[in-house]
Structures are given as structure tokens and as C-alpha cells.
C-alpha atoms as a PDB file:
ATOM      1  CA  UNK A   1     -11.551 -12.425 -13.339  1.00  0.00           C
ATOM      2  CA  UNK A   2     -13.416 -15.521 -12.284  1.00  0.00           C
ATOM      3  CA  UNK A   3     -12.065 -18.176  -9.972  1.00  0.00           C
ATOM      4  CA  UNK A   4     -11.917 -20.653 -12.848  1.00  0.00           C
ATOM      5  CA  UNK A   5      -9.709 -18.292 -14.893  1.00  0.00           C
ATOM      6  CA  UNK A   6      -7.405 -17.820 -11.908  1.00  0.00           C
ATOM      7  CA  UNK A   7      -7.178 -21.558 -11.332  1.00  0.00           C
ATOM      8  CA  UNK A   8      -6.396 -22.147 -15.028  1.00  0.00           C
ATOM      9  CA  UNK A   9      -3.606 -19.545 -14.987  1.00  0.00           C
ATOM     10  CA  UNK A  10      -2.180 -20.991 -11.771  1.00  0.00           C
ATOM     11  CA  UNK A  11      -2.154 -24.493 -13.301  1.00  0.00           C
ATOM     12  CA  UNK A  12      -0.476 -23.178 -16.450  1.00  0.00           C
ATOM     13  CA  UNK A  13       2.147 -21.367 -14.396  1.00  0.00           C
ATOM     14  CA  UNK A  14       2.820 -24.531 -12.387  1.00  0.00           C
ATOM     15  CA  UNK A  15       3.202 -26.549 -15.591  1.00  0.00           C
ATOM     16  CA  UNK A  16       5.683 -24.043 -17.032  1.00  0.00           C
ATOM     17  CA  UNK A  17       7.727 -24.070 -13.819  1.00  0.00           C
ATOM     18  CA  UNK A  18       7.791 -27.870 -13.905  1.00  0.00           C
ATOM     19  CA  UNK A  19       9.013 -27.791 -17.542  1.00  0.00           C
ATOM     20  CA  UNK A  20      11.798 -25.387 -16.589  1.00  0.00           C
ATOM     21  CA  UNK A  21      12.959 -27.562 -13.703  1.00  0.00           C
ATOM     22  CA  UNK A  22      12.867 -30.658 -15.967  1.00  0.00           C
ATOM     23  CA  UNK A  23      14.930 -28.800 -18.561  1.00  0.00           C
ATOM     24  CA  UNK A  24      17.507 -27.860 -15.961  1.00  0.00           C
ATOM     25  CA  UNK A  25      17.768 -31.473 -14.782  1.00  0.00           C
ATOM     26  CA  UNK A  26      18.230 -32.884 -18.270  1.00  0.00           C
ATOM     27  CA  UNK A  27      21.561 -34.690 -18.482  1.00  0.00           C
ATOM     28  CA  UNK A  28      22.259 -33.948 -22.102  1.00  0.00           C
ATOM     29  CA  UNK A  29      21.996 -30.125 -21.511  1.00  0.00           C
ATOM     30  CA  UNK A  30      19.470 -29.590 -24.291  1.00  0.00           C
ATOM     31  CA  UNK A  31      16.579 -27.367 -23.285  1.00  0.00           C
ATOM     32  CA  UNK A  32      13.097 -28.685 -23.877  1.00  0.00           C
ATOM     33  CA  UNK A  33      10.939 -26.372 -25.921  1.00  0.00           C
ATOM     34  CA  UNK A  34       8.397 -24.458 -23.870  1.00  0.00           C
ATOM     35  CA  UNK A  35       5.109 -23.109 -25.086  1.00  0.00           C
ATOM     36  CA  UNK A  36       5.105 -22.196 -28.772  1.00  0.00           C
ATOM     37  CA  UNK A  37       5.026 -18.473 -27.966  1.00  0.00           C
ATOM     38  CA  UNK A  38       8.249 -18.533 -25.939  1.00  0.00           C
ATOM     39  CA  UNK A  39      11.563 -20.371 -25.658  1.00  0.00           C
ATOM     40  CA  UNK A  40      13.138 -19.711 -22.280  1.00  0.00           C
ATOM     41  CA  UNK A  41      16.931 -19.540 -22.164  1.00  0.00           C
ATOM     42  CA  UNK A  42      18.791 -21.228 -19.305  1.00  0.00           C
ATOM     43  CA  UNK A  43      19.383 -19.644 -15.868  1.00  0.00           C
ATOM     44  CA  UNK A  44      18.035 -16.429 -14.398  1.00  0.00           C
ATOM     45  CA  UNK A  45      16.948 -15.095 -17.805  1.00  0.00           C
ATOM     46  CA  UNK A  46      14.583 -18.061 -18.150  1.00  0.00           C
ATOM     47  CA  UNK A  47      12.897 -17.235 -14.845  1.00  0.00           C
ATOM     48  CA  UNK A  48      12.603 -13.538 -15.709  1.00  0.00           C
ATOM     49  CA  UNK A  49      11.103 -14.281 -19.124  1.00  0.00           C
ATOM     50  CA  UNK A  50       8.690 -16.810 -17.632  1.00  0.00           C
ATOM     51  CA  UNK A  51       7.560 -14.230 -15.095  1.00  0.00           C
ATOM     52  CA  UNK A  52       7.094 -11.623 -17.832  1.00  0.00           C
ATOM     53  CA  UNK A  53       5.109 -14.092 -19.941  1.00  0.00           C
ATOM     54  CA  UNK A  54       2.900 -14.952 -16.988  1.00  0.00           C
ATOM     55  CA  UNK A  55       2.335 -11.267 -16.227  1.00  0.00           C
ATOM     56  CA  UNK A  56       1.337 -10.686 -19.850  1.00  0.00           C
ATOM     57  CA  UNK A  57      -1.100 -13.621 -19.660  1.00  0.00           C
ATOM     58  CA  UNK A  58      -2.634 -12.217 -16.482  1.00  0.00           C
ATOM     59  CA  UNK A  59      -3.018  -8.783 -18.079  1.00  0.00           C
ATOM     60  CA  UNK A  60      -4.639 -10.292 -21.175  1.00  0.00           C
ATOM     61  CA  UNK A  61      -7.000 -12.354 -19.026  1.00  0.00           C
ATOM     62  CA  UNK A  62      -7.956  -9.311 -16.950  1.00  0.00           C
ATOM     63  CA  UNK A  63      -8.620  -7.306 -20.125  1.00  0.00           C
ATOM     64  CA  UNK A  64     -10.826 -10.104 -21.445  1.00  0.00           C
ATOM     65  CA  UNK A  65     -12.677 -10.234 -18.154  1.00  0.00           C
ATOM     66  CA  UNK A  66     -13.337  -6.476 -18.280  1.00  0.00           C
ATOM     67  CA  UNK A  67     -14.614  -6.766 -21.830  1.00  0.00           C
ATOM     68  CA  UNK A  68     -16.880  -9.653 -20.869  1.00  0.00           C
ATOM     69  CA  UNK A  69     -18.151  -7.933 -17.717  1.00  0.00           C
ATOM     70  CA  UNK A  70     -18.219  -4.144 -18.180  1.00  0.00           C
ATOM     71  CA  UNK A  71     -18.748  -1.943 -15.141  1.00  0.00           C
ATOM     72  CA  UNK A  72     -22.131  -2.694 -13.696  1.00  0.00           C
ATOM     73  CA  UNK A  73     -24.738   0.020 -13.674  1.00  0.00           C
ATOM     74  CA  UNK A  74     -26.478   0.469 -10.354  1.00  0.00           C
ATOM     75  CA  UNK A  75     -29.504   2.299 -11.764  1.00  0.00           C
ATOM     76  CA  UNK A  76     -30.802   5.561 -10.398  1.00  0.00           C
ATOM     77  CA  UNK A  77     -29.487   8.970 -11.411  1.00  0.00           C
ATOM     78  CA  UNK A  78     -26.192   7.755 -12.875  1.00  0.00           C
ATOM     79  CA  UNK A  79     -27.591   4.799 -14.824  1.00  0.00           C
ATOM     80  CA  UNK A  80     -27.403   6.288 -18.322  1.00  0.00           C
ATOM     81  CA  UNK A  81     -24.156   8.164 -17.932  1.00  0.00           C
ATOM     82  CA  UNK A  82     -22.010   5.559 -19.666  1.00  0.00           C
ATOM     83  CA  UNK A  83     -19.188   5.762 -17.111  1.00  0.00           C
ATOM     84  CA  UNK A  84     -18.528   9.478 -17.575  1.00  0.00           C
ATOM     85  CA  UNK A  85     -17.411  11.360 -14.483  1.00  0.00           C
ATOM     86  CA  UNK A  86     -19.149  14.531 -13.394  1.00  0.00           C
ATOM     87  CA  UNK A  87     -17.850  17.312 -11.207  1.00  0.00           C
ATOM     88  CA  UNK A  88     -19.086  17.339  -7.624  1.00  0.00           C
ATOM     89  CA  UNK A  89     -20.504  20.535  -6.174  1.00  0.00           C
ATOM     90  CA  UNK A  90     -20.182  21.145  -2.450  1.00  0.00           C
ATOM     91  CA  UNK A  91     -21.775  23.719  -0.181  1.00  0.00           C
ATOM     92  CA  UNK A  92     -19.383  26.413   1.020  1.00  0.00           C
ATOM     93  CA  UNK A  93     -18.910  25.735   4.727  1.00  0.00           C
ATOM     94  CA  UNK A  94     -16.315  28.414   5.433  1.00  0.00           C
ATOM     95  CA  UNK A  95     -18.832  30.773   7.056  1.00  0.00           C
ATOM     96  CA  UNK A  96     -19.901  28.095   9.523  1.00  0.00           C
ATOM     97  CA  UNK A  97     -16.277  27.313  10.318  1.00  0.00           C
ATOM     98  CA  UNK A  98     -15.574  30.987  11.067  1.00  0.00           C
ATOM     99  CA  UNK A  99     -18.282  31.174  13.732  1.00  0.00           C
ATOM    100  CA  UNK A 100     -17.018  31.308  17.309  1.00  0.00           C
ATOM    101  CA  UNK A 101     -16.395  27.999  19.012  1.00  0.00           C
ATOM    102  CA  UNK A 102     -18.938  28.706  21.793  1.00  0.00           C
ATOM    103  CA  UNK A 103     -21.834  28.709  19.308  1.00  0.00           C
ATOM    104  CA  UNK A 104     -20.548  25.520  17.721  1.00  0.00           C
ATOM    105  CA  UNK A 105     -20.319  23.819  21.129  1.00  0.00           C
ATOM    106  CA  UNK A 106     -23.780  25.099  22.062  1.00  0.00           C
ATOM    107  CA  UNK A 107     -25.249  23.646  18.844  1.00  0.00           C
ATOM    108  CA  UNK A 108     -23.649  20.276  19.611  1.00  0.00           C
ATOM    109  CA  UNK A 109     -24.944  20.255  23.209  1.00  0.00           C
ATOM    110  CA  UNK A 110     -28.471  21.241  22.141  1.00  0.00           C
ATOM    111  CA  UNK A 111     -28.854  17.802  20.580  1.00  0.00           C
ATOM    112  CA  UNK A 112     -28.416  15.978  23.879  1.00  0.00           C
ATOM    113  CA  UNK A 113     -30.028  18.401  26.339  1.00  0.00           C
ATOM    114  CA  UNK A 114     -33.564  17.156  25.638  1.00  0.00           C
ATOM    115  CA  UNK A 115     -32.839  13.449  26.233  1.00  0.00           C
ATOM    116  CA  UNK A 116     -34.996  12.170  29.132  1.00  0.00           C
ATOM    117  CA  UNK A 117     -33.292  10.330  32.005  1.00  0.00           C
ATOM    118  CA  UNK A 118     -34.766   8.220  34.821  1.00  0.00           C
ATOM    119  CA  UNK A 119     -33.659   9.568  38.212  1.00  0.00           C
ATOM    120  CA  UNK A 120     -34.363   7.656  41.414  1.00  0.00           C
ATOM    121  CA  UNK A 121     -33.327   7.989  45.058  1.00  0.00           C
ATOM    122  CA  UNK A 122     -32.876   4.819  47.075  1.00  0.00           C
ATOM    123  CA  UNK A 123     -33.275   4.729  50.832  1.00  0.00           C
ATOM    124  CA  UNK A 124     -32.027   1.149  51.161  1.00  0.00           C
ATOM    125  CA  UNK A 125     -32.404  -2.449  49.966  1.00  0.00           C
ATOM    126  CA  UNK A 126     -33.272  -5.818  51.375  1.00  0.00           C
ATOM    127  CA  UNK A 127     -33.788  -9.381  50.220  1.00  0.00           C
ATOM    128  CA  UNK A 128     -36.995 -11.277  50.925  1.00  0.00           C
ATOM    129  CA  UNK A 129     -38.111 -14.840  50.348  1.00  0.00           C
ATOM    130  CA  UNK A 130     -41.338 -15.350  48.428  1.00  0.00           C
ATOM    131  CA  UNK A 131     -42.927 -16.668  51.633  1.00  0.00           C
ATOM    132  CA  UNK A 132     -41.990 -13.446  53.492  1.00  0.00           C
ATOM    133  CA  UNK A 133     -43.302 -11.315  50.629  1.00  0.00           C
ATOM    134  CA  UNK A 134     -46.652 -13.132  50.684  1.00  0.00           C
ATOM    135  CA  UNK A 135     -46.994 -12.532  54.434  1.00  0.00           C
ATOM    136  CA  UNK A 136     -46.643  -8.732  54.104  1.00  0.00           C
ATOM    137  CA  UNK A 137     -49.754  -6.741  54.828  1.00  0.00           C
ATOM    138  CA  UNK A 138     -50.827  -3.245  55.775  1.00  0.00           C
ATOM    139  CA  UNK A 139     -48.760  -2.098  58.741  1.00  0.00           C
ATOM    140  CA  UNK A 140     -45.897  -4.562  58.102  1.00  0.00           C
ATOM    141  CA  UNK A 141     -42.382  -3.240  58.526  1.00  0.00           C
ATOM    142  CA  UNK A 142     -39.598  -4.136  56.091  1.00  0.00           C
ATOM    143  CA  UNK A 143     -36.081  -3.748  57.475  1.00  0.00           C
ATOM    144  CA  UNK A 144     -33.566  -2.260  55.004  1.00  0.00           C
ATOM    145  CA  UNK A 145     -29.795  -2.759  54.862  1.00  0.00           C
ATOM    146  CA  UNK A 146     -28.943   0.892  55.672  1.00  0.00           C
ATOM    147  CA  UNK A 147     -28.610   2.449  59.088  1.00  0.00           C
ATOM    148  CA  UNK A 148     -30.597   5.484  60.147  1.00  0.00           C
ATOM    149  CA  UNK A 149     -28.810   8.655  59.109  1.00  0.00           C
ATOM    150  CA  UNK A 150     -26.955   7.070  56.185  1.00  0.00           C
ATOM    151  CA  UNK A 151     -27.256   9.040  52.944  1.00  0.00           C
ATOM    152  CA  UNK A 152     -29.685   8.144  50.178  1.00  0.00           C
ATOM    153  CA  UNK A 153     -28.230   6.963  46.879  1.00  0.00           C
ATOM    154  CA  UNK A 154     -29.210   8.812  43.697  1.00  0.00           C
ATOM    155  CA  UNK A 155     -29.301   6.751  40.496  1.00  0.00           C
ATOM    156  CA  UNK A 156     -29.556   8.060  36.930  1.00  0.00           C
ATOM    157  CA  UNK A 157     -30.648   5.380  34.461  1.00  0.00           C
ATOM    158  CA  UNK A 158     -29.696   2.745  37.026  1.00  0.00           C
ATOM    159  CA  UNK A 159     -26.159   4.081  37.618  1.00  0.00           C
ATOM    160  CA  UNK A 160     -25.117   5.536  40.975  1.00  0.00           C
ATOM    161  CA  UNK A 161     -24.150   9.190  40.466  1.00  0.00           C
ATOM    162  CA  UNK A 162     -24.587  10.867  43.874  1.00  0.00           C
ATOM    163  CA  UNK A 163     -25.461  10.525  47.559  1.00  0.00           C
ATOM    164  CA  UNK A 164     -27.582  12.876  49.610  1.00  0.00           C
ATOM    165  CA  UNK A 165     -30.033  13.388  52.453  1.00  0.00           C
ATOM    166  CA  UNK A 166     -33.815  13.357  52.325  1.00  0.00           C
ATOM    167  CA  UNK A 167     -35.606  16.701  52.571  1.00  0.00           C
ATOM    168  CA  UNK A 168     -39.244  17.828  52.327  1.00  0.00           C
ATOM    169  CA  UNK A 169     -40.099  20.569  49.827  1.00  0.00           C
ATOM    170  CA  UNK A 170     -43.716  21.800  49.560  1.00  0.00           C
ATOM    171  CA  UNK A 171     -44.963  18.532  51.060  1.00  0.00           C
ATOM    172  CA  UNK A 172     -42.923  16.436  48.598  1.00  0.00           C
ATOM    173  CA  UNK A 173     -39.746  14.493  49.198  1.00  0.00           C
ATOM    174  CA  UNK A 174     -36.495  15.642  47.696  1.00  0.00           C
ATOM    175  CA  UNK A 175     -32.782  14.911  47.989  1.00  0.00           C
ATOM    176  CA  UNK A 176     -30.083  17.401  48.962  1.00  0.00           C
ATOM    177  CA  UNK A 177     -26.921  16.155  47.269  1.00  0.00           C
ATOM    178  CA  UNK A 178     -23.966  15.848  49.600  1.00  0.00           C
ATOM    179  CA  UNK A 179     -21.557  13.782  47.499  1.00  0.00           C
ATOM    180  CA  UNK A 180     -21.168  13.442  43.717  1.00  0.00           C
ATOM    181  CA  UNK A 181     -19.621  10.162  42.597  1.00  0.00           C
ATOM    182  CA  UNK A 182     -16.337  10.722  40.748  1.00  0.00           C
ATOM    183  CA  UNK A 183     -16.036   9.472  37.159  1.00  0.00           C
ATOM    184  CA  UNK A 184     -13.381   6.979  38.286  1.00  0.00           C
ATOM    185  CA  UNK A 185     -15.772   5.417  40.823  1.00  0.00           C
ATOM    186  CA  UNK A 186     -18.538   5.277  38.189  1.00  0.00           C
ATOM    187  CA  UNK A 187     -16.224   3.375  35.837  1.00  0.00           C
ATOM    188  CA  UNK A 188     -15.337   0.946  38.645  1.00  0.00           C
ATOM    189  CA  UNK A 189     -19.059   0.258  39.181  1.00  0.00           C
ATOM    190  CA  UNK A 190     -19.445  -0.729  35.516  1.00  0.00           C
ATOM    191  CA  UNK A 191     -16.875  -3.520  35.852  1.00  0.00           C
END
């Protein structure tokens, strides 16, 4: 049903309501004739019949709208089906549901186990002015904000997850974790 049809019905309904109120206010008590298809009696019956007539008009207008604009075809596989319904066929999933929960959980975790993460260990931080940065050269010493002996901070994708101490393994640096950050503390860091 188009907006114009709705507006026309609303205007017609408003006109009929105005006629009914005028008829009720008439001093001589004679009811004015309504639309040729109906003659509303006085009182509550008049309102009920007007509502029924309006509902019938809406239904007729909707039926005309459906006739004028049949269901649109969206092309593809169902384009030439003429609105006929077909039965859907689904794969039987009961065997998969009967499998133990451990296998199901393992299958779900397998999807995320191969996601790469950036892990970094931070000894400390400092803030430099551009002038100080330009003056740095080989042999310069940059003072960090941490004291000697304080633990390193371990970040995963930029989020602090643990603290630890530096170790050397096969001539490479490593971190021995001494403290894992609790989930509550991680949430506090986000805010």
C-alpha cells in the first residue's frame, strides 16, 4: 500500500469522523446521511459501524495493492517457481552432536590456536625531547624509568599480560615469568 493510498484513507476517515460529530451536534436531532454505502445510527453503534467500514476499506485497498504489485521475484534458482513453496532438506547433524564434548571443544580451539601474536618484553621507558634524541650517538646512555632489579613487563599485542626477569638462553635473551596479570587487572588497563 503506497503512502498516497494511506493518506487518502486517513483523510476519508477524518472526514467521516467529522460528519459523525456534526450529526451529533445537530440541534434538530436528524442524522446527516453519511457515505452512500452506509448510514450510521446514533451513539456507540455508529462508531462501531464506522470502524468496521474503515477496516473493510483498508482490506480492499490492501487487496488492490497486492493485485497491482504481486510478490517480487528476486531471480536466481527460485525465479520461475511462481510462489510455490518447496520442502527444505537438512543434513542430519545428530552424529556430530553425539560426539564427546572434548572433541567438540578441541575443534573449536583449533581455529584460534594458529593466530599469530606479537610478544614483547620491556625493560623500561623514558621520554626524550627531539633535541636530546638528535644528540644521541654511539656510546650514549639513555636512562629508563625503572630501577635495577625491577621485573620486565611482557606485552602481548600491546597489552600487559605478565612480569618477569631477564635470562640468557643459548646466547639469546629470554624472560622467566614471575607474575601473570589477573584478568581483572587487564580489564582495568583497558579503561
